[in-house]
Protein backbone atom coordinates (compact mmCIF):
# COMPACT_ATOMS: atom_id res chain seq x y z
CA MET A 1 -7.27 12.60 -15.75
CA HIS A 2 -4.40 13.04 -13.30
CA SER A 3 -1.68 15.62 -13.74
CA TYR A 4 1.97 15.14 -12.77
CA PRO A 5 3.71 14.51 -10.47
CA ILE A 6 2.09 11.59 -8.62
CA TYR A 7 3.67 9.95 -5.58
CA PHE A 8 2.97 6.40 -4.36
CA PHE A 9 4.17 4.76 -1.14
CA SER A 10 3.11 1.92 1.14
CA ASP A 11 3.87 -0.09 4.27
CA ALA A 12 4.97 2.51 6.79
CA HIS A 13 3.39 0.52 9.65
CA LEU A 14 3.31 3.59 11.88
CA GLY A 15 2.51 2.83 15.49
CA ALA A 16 4.43 -0.44 15.58
CA THR A 17 5.56 -0.47 19.19
CA THR A 18 8.26 -3.03 18.43
CA LEU A 19 10.03 -0.58 16.11
CA GLY A 20 11.96 1.80 18.34
CA ASP A 21 12.35 4.43 15.63
CA ASP A 22 8.61 4.90 15.08
CA ARG A 23 8.75 8.61 15.94
CA ASP A 24 11.64 9.22 13.55
CA ARG A 25 9.96 7.32 10.74
CA GLU A 26 6.80 9.37 11.25
CA THR A 27 8.84 12.57 11.05
CA GLN A 28 10.46 11.48 7.78
CA LEU A 29 7.08 10.55 6.34
CA ILE A 30 5.61 13.93 7.27
CA ARG A 31 8.52 15.68 5.54
CA PHE A 32 7.93 13.54 2.46
CA LEU A 33 4.22 14.38 2.41
CA GLU A 34 5.00 18.08 2.73
CA TYR A 35 7.58 17.79 -0.07
CA ALA A 36 5.09 16.07 -2.39
CA ALA A 37 2.43 18.68 -1.64
CA ALA A 38 4.90 21.53 -2.22
CA ASN A 39 5.56 20.05 -5.68
CA GLN A 40 1.80 20.18 -6.29
CA GLY A 41 1.79 16.41 -6.45
CA GLU A 42 -1.03 13.97 -5.87
CA ILE A 43 -0.34 11.31 -3.22
CA TYR A 44 -1.38 7.65 -3.08
CA ILE A 45 -1.02 5.69 0.18
CA VAL A 46 -1.06 2.07 -1.00
CA GLY A 47 -1.96 0.33 2.24
CA ASP A 48 -0.53 -0.43 5.69
CA LEU A 49 0.17 3.16 6.63
CA PHE A 50 -0.46 2.06 10.22
CA GLU A 51 0.51 -1.10 12.05
CA PHE A 52 -3.16 -1.24 12.99
CA TRP A 53 -6.07 1.10 12.32
CA PHE A 54 -9.60 0.67 13.61
CA GLU A 55 -12.21 3.39 14.04
CA TYR A 56 -14.62 3.21 16.92
CA ARG A 57 -17.67 5.45 16.65
CA GLU A 58 -16.31 7.99 19.13
CA VAL A 59 -12.61 7.05 19.31
CA ILE A 60 -9.63 6.97 16.97
CA PRO A 61 -6.11 5.71 17.83
CA ASN A 62 -4.10 8.61 19.30
CA ARG A 63 -0.64 7.35 18.33
CA ASN A 64 0.86 9.05 15.25
CA PHE A 65 -1.55 11.95 15.57
CA ARG A 66 1.04 14.18 13.86
CA VAL A 67 0.61 12.44 10.53
CA LEU A 68 -3.18 12.75 10.83
CA ALA A 69 -2.78 16.48 11.50
CA THR A 70 -0.53 16.71 8.43
CA PHE A 71 -3.24 15.12 6.28
CA TYR A 72 -5.75 17.68 7.54
CA HIS A 73 -3.37 20.57 6.86
CA LEU A 74 -2.36 19.42 3.36
CA THR A 75 -5.85 18.59 2.11
CA ARG A 76 -7.06 22.01 3.29
CA GLN A 77 -4.32 23.49 1.10
CA GLY A 78 -5.68 21.60 -1.90
CA CYS A 79 -3.41 18.55 -1.95
CA LYS A 80 -5.26 15.42 -3.03
CA ILE A 81 -4.37 12.36 -0.93
CA HIS A 82 -5.70 8.89 -1.74
CA TYR A 83 -5.77 5.95 0.67
CA LEU A 84 -6.05 2.28 -0.30
CA PRO A 85 -6.44 -0.19 2.57
CA GLY A 86 -3.91 -2.94 3.22
CA ASN A 87 -4.06 -5.99 5.43
CA HIS A 88 -3.16 -3.97 8.57
CA ASP A 89 -5.72 -1.20 7.98
CA LEU A 90 -8.72 -3.07 6.60
CA TRP A 91 -11.10 -1.24 8.90
CA ILE A 92 -10.99 2.30 7.53
CA GLY A 93 -14.14 4.17 8.53
CA SER A 94 -15.49 7.63 7.81
CA PHE A 95 -13.02 9.65 9.89
CA LEU A 96 -10.19 9.83 7.34
CA ARG A 97 -12.61 10.86 4.61
CA GLN A 98 -14.98 13.21 6.42
CA GLU A 99 -12.64 14.86 8.92
CA LEU A 100 -9.27 14.77 7.14
CA GLY A 101 -10.37 15.01 3.51
CA LEU A 102 -8.68 11.88 2.19
CA VAL A 103 -10.04 10.05 -0.86
CA ILE A 104 -10.71 6.49 0.34
CA HIS A 105 -10.70 3.59 -2.12
CA GLY A 106 -12.31 0.31 -1.14
CA GLY A 107 -9.53 -1.80 -2.65
CA ALA A 108 -7.73 -1.55 -5.96
CA THR A 109 -8.07 1.58 -8.06
CA GLU A 110 -7.24 2.86 -11.52
CA VAL A 111 -5.18 5.98 -12.17
CA LYS A 112 -5.16 7.60 -15.59
CA THR A 113 -2.71 10.19 -16.84
CA GLN A 114 -2.02 11.64 -20.26
CA ALA A 115 0.32 8.76 -21.10
CA TYR A 116 -0.39 5.92 -18.68
CA ASN A 117 -3.21 3.69 -17.50
CA ILE A 118 -2.19 2.54 -14.01
CA PHE A 119 -3.54 -0.23 -11.79
CA VAL A 120 -2.86 0.23 -8.05
CA ILE A 121 -3.44 -2.36 -5.32
CA HIS A 122 -1.90 -3.16 -1.95
CA GLY A 123 -1.52 -6.82 -2.88
CA ASP A 124 -2.74 -8.78 0.14
CA GLY A 125 -4.79 -11.81 -0.89
CA MET A 126 -3.85 -11.31 -4.52
CA ALA A 127 -2.23 -14.75 -4.75
CA ARG A 128 -4.95 -17.28 -5.47
CA SER A 129 -3.21 -20.03 -3.51
CA ASP A 130 -3.05 -17.91 -0.33
CA ARG A 131 -6.27 -19.57 0.81
CA GLY A 132 -5.68 -19.13 4.53
CA TYR A 133 -5.40 -15.35 4.43
CA ARG A 134 -8.19 -14.98 1.86
CA PHE A 135 -10.49 -16.87 4.23
CA LEU A 136 -9.40 -14.83 7.26
CA LYS A 137 -9.91 -11.58 5.36
CA LYS A 138 -13.57 -12.46 4.82
CA ILE A 139 -13.92 -13.03 8.56
CA PHE A 140 -12.08 -9.83 9.53
CA THR A 141 -14.16 -7.66 7.20
CA HIS A 142 -17.56 -9.19 7.97
CA PRO A 143 -19.91 -6.46 9.30
CA VAL A 144 -21.00 -8.60 12.27
CA ASN A 145 -17.42 -9.16 13.42
CA ILE A 146 -16.59 -5.47 13.04
CA PHE A 147 -19.66 -4.62 15.12
CA LEU A 148 -18.62 -7.08 17.85
CA TYR A 149 -15.04 -5.83 17.93
CA ARG A 150 -16.28 -2.30 18.66
CA TRP A 151 -17.60 -3.61 21.98
CA ILE A 152 -14.02 -4.27 23.12
CA HIS A 153 -12.61 -1.28 24.97
CA PRO A 154 -9.97 0.53 22.84
CA ASP A 155 -7.38 0.23 25.63
CA LEU A 156 -7.67 -3.55 25.21
CA GLY A 157 -8.63 -3.96 21.56
CA ILE A 158 -5.95 -1.75 19.98
CA PRO A 159 -2.88 -3.13 21.88
CA PHE A 160 -4.06 -6.70 21.28
CA ALA A 161 -4.52 -6.09 17.55
CA LYS A 162 -1.09 -4.44 17.30
CA LYS A 163 0.50 -7.44 18.96
CA MET A 164 -1.15 -9.77 16.45
CA SER A 165 -0.14 -7.44 13.61
CA HIS A 166 3.47 -7.60 14.75
CA VAL A 167 3.40 -11.41 14.77
CA SER A 168 1.97 -11.44 11.24
CA ARG A 169 4.53 -8.94 9.93
CA ALA A 170 7.46 -10.68 11.63
CA GLN A 171 6.50 -14.02 10.11
CA GLY A 172 6.36 -12.45 6.66
CA GLU A 173 9.82 -10.91 7.06
CA GLN A 174 11.47 -14.16 8.13
CA LYS A 175 10.94 -16.12 4.93
CA LYS A 176 10.93 -15.73 1.20
CA ASP A 177 7.49 -14.77 -0.08
CA PRO A 178 6.03 -17.97 -1.59
CA PHE A 179 3.65 -16.02 -3.79
CA GLU A 180 6.07 -13.93 -5.86
CA GLN A 181 5.43 -15.98 -9.00
CA GLU A 182 1.68 -15.49 -8.61
CA TYR A 183 2.12 -11.76 -8.14
CA ARG A 184 3.86 -11.59 -11.51
CA ILE A 185 1.15 -13.71 -13.11
CA PHE A 186 -1.36 -11.19 -11.78
CA VAL A 187 0.73 -8.34 -13.17
CA GLN A 188 0.87 -9.97 -16.62
CA GLU A 189 -2.91 -10.35 -16.58
CA LYS A 190 -3.28 -6.64 -15.83
CA PHE A 191 -0.94 -5.82 -18.71
CA SER A 192 -3.16 -7.90 -20.99
CA GLN A 193 -6.15 -5.82 -19.84
CA GLY A 194 -4.48 -2.66 -21.12
CA TYR A 195 -2.67 -1.31 -18.06
CA ASP A 196 0.72 0.28 -18.67
CA ILE A 197 1.86 0.30 -15.03
CA VAL A 198 0.96 -2.00 -12.13
CA ILE A 199 1.86 -0.70 -8.66
CA MET A 200 1.56 -2.70 -5.45
CA GLY A 201 3.02 -2.95 -1.96
CA HIS A 202 2.65 -5.59 0.74
CA THR A 203 5.91 -7.53 0.17
CA HIS A 204 8.17 -4.76 1.57
CA LYS A 205 10.59 -5.45 -1.31
CA PRO A 206 11.09 -2.58 -3.78
CA VAL A 207 10.92 -3.73 -7.40
CA HIS A 208 10.95 -2.01 -10.78
CA GLU A 209 10.65 -4.34 -13.76
CA ILE A 210 9.93 -3.34 -17.35
CA TYR A 211 8.18 -5.69 -19.78
CA GLY A 212 8.44 -4.06 -23.17
CA SER A 213 6.95 -0.64 -22.46
CA ARG A 214 5.04 -1.73 -19.35
CA HIS A 215 6.16 -1.32 -15.75
CA TYR A 216 5.70 -3.47 -12.65
CA ILE A 217 6.56 -1.63 -9.44
CA ASN A 218 6.56 -2.80 -5.86
CA LEU A 219 6.85 0.14 -3.50
CA GLY A 220 8.93 -1.49 -0.77
CA ASP A 221 8.37 0.02 2.68
CA TRP A 222 9.14 2.83 5.14
CA ILE A 223 10.79 0.53 7.67
CA ASP A 224 14.00 -0.55 5.96
CA HIS A 225 13.91 1.07 2.51
CA PHE A 226 12.02 4.39 2.76
CA SER A 227 11.18 3.90 -0.91
CA TYR A 228 8.46 5.45 -3.02
CA CYS A 229 7.47 5.81 -6.66
CA GLU A 230 7.43 9.17 -8.38
CA LEU A 231 5.57 9.40 -11.68
CA ASP A 232 5.98 12.33 -14.05
CA GLU A 233 5.99 12.89 -17.81
CA ASN A 234 9.23 10.86 -18.08
CA GLY A 235 7.70 7.78 -16.49
CA PRO A 236 7.84 6.04 -13.09
CA VAL A 237 10.96 6.01 -10.89
CA VAL A 238 11.49 4.24 -7.56
CA ARG A 239 13.32 6.66 -5.26
CA GLN A 240 14.45 6.74 -1.65
CA TRP A 241 13.70 9.38 0.95
CA PRO A 242 15.24 11.74 1.94
CA SER A 243 18.00 11.60 -0.69
CA GLN A 244 15.44 11.37 -3.55
CA ARG A 245 18.00 9.30 -5.43
CA VAL A 246 16.95 6.46 -7.73
CA TYR A 247 16.77 3.54 -5.31
CA VAL A 248 15.89 0.70 -7.68
CA GLU A 249 17.24 0.73 -11.21
CA PRO A 250 14.62 -0.64 -13.61
CA ILE A 251 15.31 -4.14 -14.91
CA GLN A 252 14.25 -4.95 -18.46
CA LYS A 253 12.46 -8.29 -18.42
CA GLN A 254 11.20 -10.46 -21.23
CA SER A 255 7.89 -12.10 -20.59
CA THR A 256 8.28 -15.79 -21.37
CA GLU A 257 4.68 -16.67 -20.57
CA THR A 258 1.47 -15.66 -22.22
CA VAL A 259 -1.40 -14.84 -19.89
CA SER A 260 -3.10 -18.14 -20.70
CA GLU A 261 0.11 -20.03 -19.85
CA SER A 262 0.38 -18.05 -16.62
CA ARG A 263 -3.11 -19.08 -15.64
CA MET A 264 -2.16 -22.70 -16.25
CA VAL A 265 0.79 -22.26 -13.90
CA ALA A 266 -1.49 -20.76 -11.25
CA SER A 267 -4.00 -23.57 -11.69
CA HIS A 268 -1.22 -26.12 -11.34
CA ARG A 269 -0.15 -24.50 -8.04
CA LEU A 270 -3.71 -24.71 -6.76
CA ASP A 271 -4.08 -28.42 -7.52
């Protein structure tokens, strides 16, 4: 059972060489982490902390070392930091867990507090009709392909992967996400399974919608929005750093579809 407060954020994409303010964004994130720890809060990183992360057996990426050092310092002080992988950091190895003390989750996870049952997921591949990415994800995470990639020298493998990551992220930013309806279908299904709050990232668009007494939250990003979710005994709030002001006012929504109807919509999209 988790105690309050709990902080959730996603999609910082640290190390993106195409973003000229990478150093400044890292500094702001470190200050946020230190603030959350000072409040005795628990922290959830909901994917894509880095533009690209891959652990070789004897090498880790040296860019953004300051945030890694902050993790080490905070966990040694007793702060609990959780890490869920996203589509840019699928290849989390043992370093973050063994050396830095982070709690690593293989994918989605459940968070329970005194008042809320929370489902947390990055969100990549969640849309059933996103067949192309779902297929690629199986290739990227196959043990044989991970083994082969380790044979590429880091000075070649890491820059190449970052360049591909930039292309993927840029394409996603240039158009309206075609899977937003399916995300909400997924959220409604989680509500029907007894979850009070569903938290995800991936889209880079901060959202706070309330369906009755249940909350759907998208965390936005730390590129344009610097948004995060703070959960305490009063419920979840989407705030912005460093002002800590409420960044997204919750919108009361009325669910017009039952879960079974939602599944029919999803099936129709797949046909």
